[in-house]
C-alpha atoms as a PDB file:
ATOM      1  CA  MET A   1       0.000   0.000   0.000  1.00  0.00           C
ATOM      2  CA  GLU A   2       1.119   3.520  -0.539  1.00  0.00           C
ATOM      3  CA  ALA A   3       2.497   5.404   2.404  1.00  0.00           C
ATOM      4  CA  GLY A   4       1.360   9.003   2.112  1.00  0.00           C
ATOM      5  CA  PRO A   5       2.843  11.955   3.927  1.00  0.00           C
ATOM      6  CA  SER A   6       1.967  12.500   7.557  1.00  0.00           C
ATOM      7  CA  PRO A   7      -0.870  14.942   8.265  1.00  0.00           C
ATOM      8  CA  THR A   8       1.674  17.578   9.328  1.00  0.00           C
ATOM      9  CA  GLU A   9       3.785  17.408   6.175  1.00  0.00           C
ATOM     10  CA  GLY A  10       3.240  20.410   3.957  1.00  0.00           C
ATOM     11  CA  THR A  11       1.144  22.368   6.483  1.00  0.00           C
ATOM     12  CA  ALA A  12       0.809  25.875   5.147  1.00  0.00           C
ATOM     13  CA  CYS A  13       0.848  29.347   6.618  1.00  0.00           C
ATOM     14  CA  GLU A  14      -2.511  31.066   6.378  1.00  0.00           C
ATOM     15  CA  PRO A  15      -2.072  34.787   5.648  1.00  0.00           C
ATOM     16  CA  ASN A  16      -5.815  35.115   5.085  1.00  0.00           C
ATOM     17  CA  ALA A  17      -8.937  32.974   5.218  1.00  0.00           C
ATOM     18  CA  GLU A  18      -9.117  32.651   1.432  1.00  0.00           C
ATOM     19  CA  THR A  19      -5.692  31.031   0.979  1.00  0.00           C
ATOM     20  CA  PRO A  20      -6.080  27.227   0.816  1.00  0.00           C
ATOM     21  CA  ARG A  21      -3.865  25.090   3.022  1.00  0.00           C
ATOM     22  CA  LEU A  22      -1.581  22.385   1.702  1.00  0.00           C
ATOM     23  CA  GLY A  23      -1.900  19.593   4.185  1.00  0.00           C
ATOM     24  CA  PHE A  24      -4.185  16.625   4.380  1.00  0.00           C
ATOM     25  CA  ARG A  25      -4.453  14.435   1.288  1.00  0.00           C
ATOM     26  CA  ARG A  26      -8.196  15.010   1.038  1.00  0.00           C
ATOM     27  CA  PHE A  27      -7.382  18.640   0.146  1.00  0.00           C
ATOM     28  CA  GLN A  28      -4.440  18.027  -2.168  1.00  0.00           C
ATOM     29  CA  PRO A  29      -4.230  14.863  -4.304  1.00  0.00           C
ATOM     30  CA  LEU A  30      -0.833  13.321  -4.875  1.00  0.00           C
ATOM     31  CA  ASP A  31      -0.564  14.518  -8.474  1.00  0.00           C
ATOM     32  CA  ARG A  32      -1.120  18.126  -7.316  1.00  0.00           C
ATOM     33  CA  ARG A  33       1.531  17.783  -4.577  1.00  0.00           C
ATOM     34  CA  ILE A  34       3.976  16.431  -7.151  1.00  0.00           C
ATOM     35  CA  SER A  35       3.313  19.444  -9.414  1.00  0.00           C
ATOM     36  CA  LEU A  36       3.943  21.789  -6.481  1.00  0.00           C
ATOM     37  CA  HIS A  37       7.110  19.900  -5.598  1.00  0.00           C
ATOM     38  CA  GLU A  38       8.471  20.223  -9.155  1.00  0.00           C
ATOM     39  CA  GLU A  39       7.673  23.937  -9.208  1.00  0.00           C
ATOM     40  CA  VAL A  40       9.401  24.499  -5.871  1.00  0.00           C
ATOM     41  CA  LEU A  41      12.587  22.775  -7.069  1.00  0.00           C
ATOM     42  CA  ALA A  42      12.579  24.806 -10.273  1.00  0.00           C
ATOM     43  CA  LEU A  43      12.163  28.070  -8.364  1.00  0.00           C
ATOM     44  CA  ARG A  44      14.862  27.167  -5.860  1.00  0.00           C
ATOM     45  CA  GLY A  45      17.179  26.466  -8.774  1.00  0.00           C
ATOM     46  CA  GLY A  46      16.720  30.099  -9.728  1.00  0.00           C
ATOM     47  CA  ALA A  47      18.251  31.150  -6.383  1.00  0.00           C
ATOM     48  CA  ARG A  48      15.003  32.473  -4.904  1.00  0.00           C
ATOM     49  CA  THR A  49      14.493  32.683  -1.171  1.00  0.00           C
ATOM     50  CA  TYR A  50      11.926  30.543   0.636  1.00  0.00           C
ATOM     51  CA  ARG A  51       9.690  33.609   1.019  1.00  0.00           C
ATOM     52  CA  GLN A  52       9.920  34.387  -2.696  1.00  0.00           C
ATOM     53  CA  ILE A  53       9.120  30.769  -3.571  1.00  0.00           C
ATOM     54  CA  ALA A  54       6.093  30.774  -1.248  1.00  0.00           C
ATOM     55  CA  ASP A  55       4.870  34.027  -2.817  1.00  0.00           C
ATOM     56  CA  GLU A  56       5.225  32.713  -6.374  1.00  0.00           C
ATOM     57  CA  ILE A  57       3.547  29.386  -5.550  1.00  0.00           C
ATOM     58  CA  GLU A  58       0.654  31.224  -3.935  1.00  0.00           C
ATOM     59  CA  LEU A  59       0.324  33.543  -6.933  1.00  0.00           C
ATOM     60  CA  LYS A  60       0.355  30.629  -9.429  1.00  0.00           C
ATOM     61  CA  PHE A  61      -1.541  27.917  -7.534  1.00  0.00           C
ATOM     62  CA  GLY A  62      -3.481  29.786  -4.860  1.00  0.00           C
ATOM     63  CA  ILE A  63      -1.793  27.701  -2.155  1.00  0.00           C
ATOM     64  CA  ARG A  64       0.516  29.044   0.552  1.00  0.00           C
ATOM     65  CA  LEU A  65       3.373  26.657   1.370  1.00  0.00           C
ATOM     66  CA  SER A  66       5.159  26.892   4.706  1.00  0.00           C
ATOM     67  CA  LYS A  67       8.878  27.626   4.780  1.00  0.00           C
ATOM     68  CA  SER A  68       9.470  24.270   6.486  1.00  0.00           C
ATOM     69  CA  THR A  69       7.796  22.404   3.608  1.00  0.00           C
ATOM     70  CA  ILE A  70       9.864  24.299   1.034  1.00  0.00           C
ATOM     71  CA  SER A  71      13.020  23.626   3.050  1.00  0.00           C
ATOM     72  CA  ASP A  72      12.290  19.895   3.357  1.00  0.00           C
ATOM     73  CA  TRP A  73      11.532  19.587  -0.357  1.00  0.00           C
ATOM     74  CA  THR A  74      14.574  21.520  -1.580  1.00  0.00           C
ATOM     75  CA  SER A  75      16.938  19.745   0.851  1.00  0.00           C
ATOM     76  CA  ARG A  76      15.486  16.360  -0.258  1.00  0.00           C
ATOM     77  CA  LYS A  77      14.453  15.547   3.314  1.00  0.00           C
ATOM     78  CA  ALA A  78      10.922  14.956   2.091  1.00  0.00           C
ATOM     79  CA  SER A  79       9.225  14.453  -1.247  1.00  0.00           C
ATOM     80  CA  PRO A  80       5.709  13.514  -2.399  1.00  0.00           C
ATOM     81  CA  LEU A  81       7.431  11.233  -4.913  1.00  0.00           C
ATOM     82  CA  ARG A  82       8.118   8.873  -2.026  1.00  0.00           C
ATOM     83  CA  ALA A  83       4.419   8.086  -1.732  1.00  0.00           C
ATOM     84  CA  GLY A  84       4.182   4.405  -2.548  1.00  0.00           C
ATOM     85  CA  HIS A  85       6.981   2.640  -4.388  1.00  0.00           C
ATOM     86  CA  PRO A  86       9.084   4.762  -6.766  1.00  0.00           C
ATOM     87  CA  PHE A  87       9.318   3.690 -10.392  1.00  0.00           C
ATOM     88  CA  VAL A  88      11.771   4.443 -13.172  1.00  0.00           C
ATOM     89  CA  ALA A  89      10.619   3.368 -16.637  1.00  0.00           C
ATOM     90  CA  ARG A  90      13.168   0.987 -18.143  1.00  0.00           C
ATOM     91  CA  PRO A  91      12.421  -1.621 -20.827  1.00  0.00           C
ATOM     92  CA  THR A  92      12.603  -5.033 -19.166  1.00  0.00           C
ATOM     93  CA  PRO A  93      10.702  -8.310 -19.666  1.00  0.00           C
ATOM     94  CA  GLU A  94       9.136  -7.840 -16.221  1.00  0.00           C
ATOM     95  CA  LEU A  95       7.716  -4.435 -17.139  1.00  0.00           C
ATOM     96  CA  ALA A  96       6.476  -5.769 -20.491  1.00  0.00           C
ATOM     97  CA  TYR A  97       4.756  -8.645 -18.662  1.00  0.00           C
ATOM     98  CA  VAL A  98       3.024  -6.215 -16.297  1.00  0.00           C
ATOM     99  CA  ILE A  99       1.832  -4.145 -19.261  1.00  0.00           C
ATOM    100  CA  GLY A 100       0.445  -7.295 -20.898  1.00  0.00           C
ATOM    101  CA  VAL A 101      -1.389  -8.376 -17.753  1.00  0.00           C
ATOM    102  CA  GLU A 102      -2.817  -4.899 -17.188  1.00  0.00           C
ATOM    103  CA  ALA A 103      -4.123  -4.947 -20.756  1.00  0.00           C
ATOM    104  CA  GLY A 104      -6.165  -7.972 -19.683  1.00  0.00           C
ATOM    105  CA  ASP A 105      -7.058  -9.066 -16.143  1.00  0.00           C
ATOM    106  CA  GLY A 106      -5.162  -6.530 -14.064  1.00  0.00           C
ATOM    107  CA  PHE A 107      -6.742  -3.271 -13.034  1.00  0.00           C
ATOM    108  CA  LEU A 108      -5.726   0.163 -11.847  1.00  0.00           C
ATOM    109  CA  ASN A 109      -7.653   2.407  -9.508  1.00  0.00           C
ATOM    110  CA  VAL A 110      -7.377   5.224  -7.009  1.00  0.00           C
ATOM    111  CA  LYS A 111      -8.781   4.881  -3.511  1.00  0.00           C
ATOM    112  CA  PRO A 112     -11.178   7.749  -2.900  1.00  0.00           C
ATOM    113  CA  ARG A 113     -10.151  10.343  -0.326  1.00  0.00           C
ATOM    114  CA  SER A 114      -6.763   8.764   0.450  1.00  0.00           C
ATOM    115  CA  TYR A 115      -5.521   8.974  -3.179  1.00  0.00           C
ATOM    116  CA  GLN A 116      -3.744   5.633  -3.051  1.00  0.00           C
ATOM    117  CA  TYR A 117      -2.740   4.649  -6.571  1.00  0.00           C
ATOM    118  CA  ARG A 118      -3.066   0.876  -6.836  1.00  0.00           C
ATOM    119  CA  ILE A 119      -1.886  -1.786  -9.276  1.00  0.00           C
ATOM    120  CA  ARG A 120      -3.848  -4.926  -8.582  1.00  0.00           C
ATOM    121  CA  LEU A 121      -4.531  -8.433  -9.896  1.00  0.00           C
ATOM    122  CA  ARG A 122      -7.204 -10.907  -8.839  1.00  0.00           C
ATOM    123  CA  ALA A 123      -7.382 -14.386 -10.408  1.00  0.00           C
ATOM    124  CA  VAL A 124      -8.341 -17.991  -9.692  1.00  0.00           C
ATOM    125  CA  ASP A 125      -4.890 -19.313 -10.609  1.00  0.00           C
ATOM    126  CA  ARG A 126      -2.459 -18.579  -7.795  1.00  0.00           C
ATOM    127  CA  GLU A 127       0.635 -19.119  -9.962  1.00  0.00           C
ATOM    128  CA  PHE A 128      -0.571 -16.354 -12.284  1.00  0.00           C
ATOM    129  CA  VAL A 129      -0.922 -13.885  -9.411  1.00  0.00           C
ATOM    130  CA  GLU A 130       2.469 -14.979  -8.051  1.00  0.00           C
ATOM    131  CA  GLU A 131       4.126 -14.381 -11.436  1.00  0.00           C
ATOM    132  CA  PHE A 132       2.569 -10.908 -11.577  1.00  0.00           C
ATOM    133  CA  ASN A 133       3.680 -10.297  -7.991  1.00  0.00           C
ATOM    134  CA  GLN A 134       7.288 -11.197  -8.841  1.00  0.00           C
ATOM    135  CA  ALA A 135       7.263  -9.038 -11.988  1.00  0.00           C
ATOM    136  CA  VAL A 136       5.880  -5.926 -10.281  1.00  0.00           C
ATOM    137  CA  SER A 137       8.297  -6.313  -7.360  1.00  0.00           C
ATOM    138  CA  LYS A 138      11.243  -6.346  -9.788  1.00  0.00           C
ATOM    139  CA  VAL A 139       9.873  -3.346 -11.663  1.00  0.00           C
ATOM    140  CA  LEU A 140       9.504  -1.375  -8.411  1.00  0.00           C
ATOM    141  CA  GLY A 141      12.638  -2.737  -6.749  1.00  0.00           C
ATOM    142  CA  CYS A 142      10.759  -3.917  -3.681  1.00  0.00           C
ATOM    143  CA  PRO A 143      10.060  -7.305  -2.047  1.00  0.00           C
ATOM    144  CA  PRO A 144       7.112  -9.324  -3.378  1.00  0.00           C
ATOM    145  CA  HIS A 145       3.864  -8.461  -1.614  1.00  0.00           C
ATOM    146  CA  ARG A 146       1.634 -10.728   0.407  1.00  0.00           C
ATOM    147  CA  LEU A 147      -0.994 -12.679  -1.511  1.00  0.00           C
ATOM    148  CA  TRP A 148      -4.436 -13.163  -0.051  1.00  0.00           C
ATOM    149  CA  LYS A 149      -7.723 -14.848  -0.918  1.00  0.00           C
ATOM    150  CA  GLY A 150     -11.093 -13.161  -0.988  1.00  0.00           C
ATOM    151  CA  GLU A 151     -13.463 -14.267   1.756  1.00  0.00           C
ATOM    152  CA  LYS A 152     -16.254 -15.247  -0.632  1.00  0.00           C
ATOM    153  CA  THR A 153     -14.267 -16.317  -3.685  1.00  0.00           C
ATOM    154  CA  ARG A 154     -11.555 -18.788  -4.626  1.00  0.00           C
ATOM    155  CA  GLU A 155      -9.507 -15.987  -6.143  1.00  0.00           C
ATOM    156  CA  THR A 156      -6.032 -14.932  -5.070  1.00  0.00           C
ATOM    157  CA  GLU A 157      -5.191 -11.228  -4.996  1.00  0.00           C
ATOM    158  CA  VAL A 158      -2.136  -8.994  -4.821  1.00  0.00           C
ATOM    159  CA  GLU A 159      -1.897  -5.232  -4.728  1.00  0.00           C
ATOM    160  CA  PHE A 160       0.878  -2.637  -5.036  1.00  0.00           C
ATOM    161  CA  GLY A 161       0.773   1.104  -4.439  1.00  0.00           C
ATOM    162  CA  SER A 162       2.813   3.345  -6.750  1.00  0.00           C
ATOM    163  CA  TYR A 163       1.741   6.666  -8.193  1.00  0.00           C
ATOM    164  CA  SER A 164       4.499   6.692 -10.801  1.00  0.00           C
ATOM    165  CA  LEU A 165       3.890   3.130 -12.078  1.00  0.00           C
ATOM    166  CA  HIS A 166       0.137   3.710 -12.023  1.00  0.00           C
ATOM    167  CA  LYS A 167       0.560   6.863 -14.114  1.00  0.00           C
ATOM    168  CA  PHE A 168       2.891   5.021 -16.515  1.00  0.00           C
ATOM    169  CA  LEU A 169       0.428   2.164 -17.068  1.00  0.00           C
ATOM    170  CA  MET A 170      -2.428   4.604 -17.683  1.00  0.00           C
ATOM    171  CA  GLN A 171      -0.765   5.731 -20.919  1.00  0.00           C
ATOM    172  CA  LYS A 172      -2.117   4.806 -24.327  1.00  0.00           C
ATOM    173  CA  LEU A 173      -0.806   1.619 -25.904  1.00  0.00           C
ATOM    174  CA  ASP A 174       1.128   3.580 -28.542  1.00  0.00           C
ATOM    175  CA  ASP A 175       3.131   5.279 -25.775  1.00  0.00           C
ATOM    176  CA  LEU A 176       3.988   1.909 -24.211  1.00  0.00           C
ATOM    177  CA  LYS A 177       5.125   0.224 -27.426  1.00  0.00           C
ATOM    178  CA  PRO A 178       8.823   1.199 -27.076  1.00  0.00           C
ATOM    179  CA  PHE A 179       8.934  -0.777 -23.816  1.00  0.00           C
ATOM    180  CA  ILE A 180       7.138  -3.751 -25.371  1.00  0.00           C
ATOM    181  CA  GLU A 181       9.145  -3.816 -28.605  1.00  0.00           C
ATOM    182  CA  HIS A 182      12.534  -3.141 -27.000  1.00  0.00           C
ATOM    183  CA  ASP A 183      13.724  -6.660 -27.835  1.00  0.00           C
ATOM    184  CA  LYS A 184      12.439 -10.170 -28.377  1.00  0.00           C
ATOM    185  CA  SER A 185      12.319 -11.028 -24.684  1.00  0.00           C
ATOM    186  CA  CYS A 186      10.156  -7.969 -23.929  1.00  0.00           C
ATOM    187  CA  ALA A 187       7.792  -8.777 -26.796  1.00  0.00           C
ATOM    188  CA  ALA A 188       7.456 -12.375 -25.571  1.00  0.00           C
ATOM    189  CA  ALA A 189       6.795 -11.223 -21.994  1.00  0.00           C
ATOM    190  CA  PHE A 190       4.070  -8.816 -23.098  1.00  0.00           C
ATOM    191  CA  ILE A 191       2.331 -11.483 -25.179  1.00  0.00           C
ATOM    192  CA  ARG A 192       2.595 -14.027 -22.352  1.00  0.00           C
ATOM    193  CA  GLY A 193       1.105 -11.508 -19.919  1.00  0.00           C
ATOM    194  CA  PHE A 194      -1.772 -10.829 -22.275  1.00  0.00           C
ATOM    195  CA  PHE A 195      -2.479 -14.525 -22.950  1.00  0.00           C
ATOM    196  CA  ASP A 196      -2.138 -15.344 -19.232  1.00  0.00           C
ATOM    197  CA  SER A 197      -4.890 -12.777 -18.707  1.00  0.00           C
ATOM    198  CA  GLU A 198      -7.108 -13.219 -21.732  1.00  0.00           C
ATOM    199  CA  GLY A 199      -6.009 -16.507 -23.280  1.00  0.00           C
ATOM    200  CA  CYS A 200      -7.645 -19.890 -23.527  1.00  0.00           C
ATOM    201  CA  VAL A 201      -6.202 -23.300 -24.427  1.00  0.00           C
ATOM    202  CA  GLU A 202      -8.698 -25.899 -25.625  1.00  0.00           C
ATOM    203  CA  VAL A 203      -8.281 -29.657 -25.173  1.00  0.00           C
ATOM    204  CA  SER A 204      -7.213 -29.822 -28.814  1.00  0.00           C
ATOM    205  CA  GLY A 205      -4.382 -27.403 -28.084  1.00  0.00           C
ATOM    206  CA  LYS A 206      -5.978 -24.476 -29.910  1.00  0.00           C
ATOM    207  CA  ILE A 207      -4.775 -21.211 -28.357  1.00  0.00           C
ATOM    208  CA  SER A 208      -6.945 -18.116 -28.395  1.00  0.00           C
ATOM    209  CA  GLY A 209      -7.011 -14.636 -26.914  1.00  0.00           C
ATOM    210  CA  ALA A 210     -10.113 -12.495 -26.455  1.00  0.00           C
ATOM    211  CA  ASN A 211     -10.749  -8.833 -25.761  1.00  0.00           C
ATOM    212  CA  THR A 212     -13.135  -6.024 -26.614  1.00  0.00           C
ATOM    213  CA  ASP A 213     -10.240  -3.865 -27.853  1.00  0.00           C
ATOM    214  CA  LEU A 214      -9.652  -4.709 -31.518  1.00  0.00           C
ATOM    215  CA  SER A 215      -6.483  -2.614 -31.694  1.00  0.00           C
ATOM    216  CA  LEU A 216      -4.969  -4.580 -28.809  1.00  0.00           C
ATOM    217  CA  LEU A 217      -5.740  -7.898 -30.483  1.00  0.00           C
ATOM    218  CA  THR A 218      -4.322  -6.845 -33.835  1.00  0.00           C
ATOM    219  CA  TYR A 219      -1.221  -5.532 -32.066  1.00  0.00           C
ATOM    220  CA  ALA A 220      -0.711  -8.909 -30.376  1.00  0.00           C
ATOM    221  CA  GLN A 221      -1.036 -10.543 -33.799  1.00  0.00           C
ATOM    222  CA  GLU A 222       1.521  -8.162 -35.248  1.00  0.00           C
ATOM    223  CA  LEU A 223       4.035  -8.914 -32.491  1.00  0.00           C
ATOM    224  CA  LEU A 224       3.565 -12.668 -32.861  1.00  0.00           C
ATOM    225  CA  HIS A 225       4.226 -12.462 -36.587  1.00  0.00           C
ATOM    226  CA  ARG A 226       7.067  -9.907 -36.541  1.00  0.00           C
ATOM    227  CA  PHE A 227       9.128 -11.298 -33.671  1.00  0.00           C
ATOM    228  CA  PHE A 228       8.305 -15.019 -33.736  1.00  0.00           C
ATOM    229  CA  HIS A 229       6.790 -15.849 -37.152  1.00  0.00           C
ATOM    230  CA  ILE A 230       3.708 -17.190 -35.373  1.00  0.00           C
ATOM    231  CA  GLU A 231       0.617 -16.990 -37.553  1.00  0.00           C
ATOM    232  CA  THR A 232      -2.841 -16.217 -36.222  1.00  0.00           C
ATOM    233  CA  ARG A 233      -6.403 -15.986 -37.478  1.00  0.00           C
ATOM    234  CA  GLY A 234      -9.029 -13.339 -36.759  1.00  0.00           C
ATOM    235  CA  PRO A 235     -10.071 -11.222 -35.065  1.00  0.00           C
ATOM    236  CA  TYR A 236     -13.522 -12.816 -35.095  1.00  0.00           C
ATOM    237  CA  ARG A 237     -16.485 -11.331 -33.310  1.00  0.00           C
ATOM    238  CA  GLY A 238     -17.830 -13.535 -30.541  1.00  0.00           C
ATOM    239  CA  LYS A 239     -20.070 -12.394 -27.701  1.00  0.00           C
ATOM    240  CA  MET A 240     -21.981  -9.285 -28.677  1.00  0.00           C
ATOM    241  CA  LYS A 241     -22.782  -6.090 -26.866  1.00  0.00           C
ATOM    242  CA  GLY A 242     -25.874  -6.443 -24.706  1.00  0.00           C
ATOM    243  CA  THR A 243     -25.384 -10.122 -23.863  1.00  0.00           C
ATOM    244  CA  ILE A 244     -24.925 -11.262 -20.260  1.00  0.00           C
ATOM    245  CA  LEU A 245     -21.462 -11.927 -18.836  1.00  0.00           C
ATOM    246  CA  THR A 246     -21.163 -13.840 -15.565  1.00  0.00           C
ATOM    247  CA  ARG A 247     -17.860 -13.368 -13.776  1.00  0.00           C
ATOM    248  CA  ARG A 248     -16.833 -13.873 -10.167  1.00  0.00           C
ATOM    249  CA  GLY A 249     -20.389 -14.855  -9.323  1.00  0.00           C
ATOM    250  CA  LYS A 250     -21.903 -11.639 -10.670  1.00  0.00           C
ATOM    251  CA  SER A 251     -23.718 -10.996 -13.930  1.00  0.00           C
ATOM    252  CA  TYR A 252     -23.093  -7.988 -16.116  1.00  0.00           C
ATOM    253  CA  VAL A 253     -24.423  -6.716 -19.422  1.00  0.00           C
ATOM    254  CA  ARG A 254     -21.617  -6.488 -21.979  1.00  0.00           C
ATOM    255  CA  ASN A 255     -21.078  -2.905 -23.063  1.00  0.00           C
ATOM    256  CA  ALA A 256     -18.999  -3.817 -26.122  1.00  0.00           C
ATOM    257  CA  ASP A 257     -18.573  -6.634 -28.632  1.00  0.00           C
ATOM    258  CA  CYS A 258     -15.903  -9.207 -27.760  1.00  0.00           C
ATOM    259  CA  TYR A 259     -13.432 -10.438 -30.383  1.00  0.00           C
ATOM    260  CA  SER A 260     -11.006 -13.383 -30.477  1.00  0.00           C
ATOM    261  CA  ILE A 261      -7.786 -14.267 -32.259  1.00  0.00           C
ATOM    262  CA  TYR A 262      -6.472 -17.813 -32.736  1.00  0.00           C
ATOM    263  CA  VAL A 263      -2.955 -19.191 -33.093  1.00  0.00           C
ATOM    264  CA  VAL A 264      -2.901 -21.582 -36.052  1.00  0.00           C
ATOM    265  CA  MET A 265      -2.324 -25.166 -34.894  1.00  0.00           C
ATOM    266  CA  GLN A 266       0.907 -25.511 -36.871  1.00  0.00           C
ATOM    267  CA  CYS A 267       2.366 -22.712 -34.691  1.00  0.00           C
ATOM    268  CA  ALA A 268       1.194 -24.023 -31.301  1.00  0.00           C
ATOM    269  CA  GLY A 269       4.573 -25.632 -30.590  1.00  0.00           C
ATOM    270  CA  LEU A 270       6.371 -22.441 -31.558  1.00  0.00           C
ATOM    271  CA  PHE A 271       4.107 -20.493 -29.224  1.00  0.00           C
ATOM    272  CA  TYR A 272       4.883 -22.944 -26.409  1.00  0.00           C
ATOM    273  CA  ASN A 273       8.654 -22.592 -26.921  1.00  0.00           C
ATOM    274  CA  GLU A 274       8.888 -18.865 -27.671  1.00  0.00           C
ATOM    275  CA  ILE A 275       6.114 -17.379 -25.525  1.00  0.00           C
ATOM    276  CA  GLY A 276       5.048 -19.956 -22.959  1.00  0.00           C
ATOM    277  CA  LEU A 277       2.177 -19.942 -20.484  1.00  0.00           C
ATOM    278  CA  THR A 278       2.271 -19.273 -16.746  1.00  0.00           C
ATOM    279  CA  ILE A 279      -1.035 -20.837 -15.720  1.00  0.00           C
ATOM    280  CA  GLU A 280      -0.446 -24.511 -15.029  1.00  0.00           C
ATOM    281  CA  ARG A 281      -3.802 -25.884 -16.215  1.00  0.00           C
ATOM    282  CA  LYS A 282      -3.413 -24.129 -19.602  1.00  0.00           C
ATOM    283  CA  LYS A 283       0.203 -25.199 -19.880  1.00  0.00           C
ATOM    284  CA  ILE A 284      -0.617 -28.865 -19.158  1.00  0.00           C
ATOM    285  CA  ARG A 285      -3.431 -28.832 -21.697  1.00  0.00           C
ATOM    286  CA  LEU A 286      -1.122 -27.478 -24.391  1.00  0.00           C
ATOM    287  CA  GLU A 287       1.671 -29.933 -23.508  1.00  0.00           C
ATOM    288  CA  THR A 288      -0.780 -32.816 -23.739  1.00  0.00           C
ATOM    289  CA  ALA A 289      -2.021 -31.699 -27.127  1.00  0.00           C
ATOM    290  CA  LEU A 290       1.569 -31.345 -28.349  1.00  0.00           C
ATOM    291  CA  GLY A 291       2.526 -34.782 -27.013  1.00  0.00           C
ATOM    292  CA  LEU A 292       5.008 -33.326 -24.514  1.00  0.00           C
ATOM    293  CA  SER A 293       3.520 -34.972 -21.443  1.00  0.00           C
END
């Protein structure tokens, strides 16, 4: 979970009743505090005094920072960037895997009021959640987090708090492509993450991936062909908008058409060797179909 600043960090002077205070998170979200922090460092770099910085921040943002807050920020004693786990974007297979999972089963959200930026996965297959746990921990440079099971479900969950990683993963797919296409290992990790999330392996060994985002499916096809010479078919429209989806014991009305892509059977062995599958039941089914077990 993210660790936010203490309630006393960033407490502001109040020259008049109309000047907002910078203090509790319910008044200033993390992204606003980060913007203020960046502005303070830029102003301090221009050799301004703490009083001059406070005046300029108040003029620009309508918020009066205390001298102690400015001092702590400019001396690096404190920083809103330390909320949650820090993240530096570098192309690695682990990051590509996380991107692939988040394109499918993973989800991102912000806790109301506390502004905790969360990266989370919930799934029936524990080994899938564990793989995601290991990947995110390497991306953030922190120990793996504790897994837990929901009280009313068989699903295993894991959750990380990181504003910077959350913000990174919220980007459009086009902005993330350099990290996915960095090299063959990154491309394979992204595809494996996506198929771990959205893939299916039939008894016959047929491998498919489904999603409502056509551009995501066609991108996965492009990567499979360009990096691994794996041929696919589709996308084909399956379940249509307005039909009922039952998931995790709850029923929902689909708000978009769902499409699927299929790996041609002649390439199933190549997929197994080059991409692989994390979820044991899918892996065993594919190995059986390929005569490997």
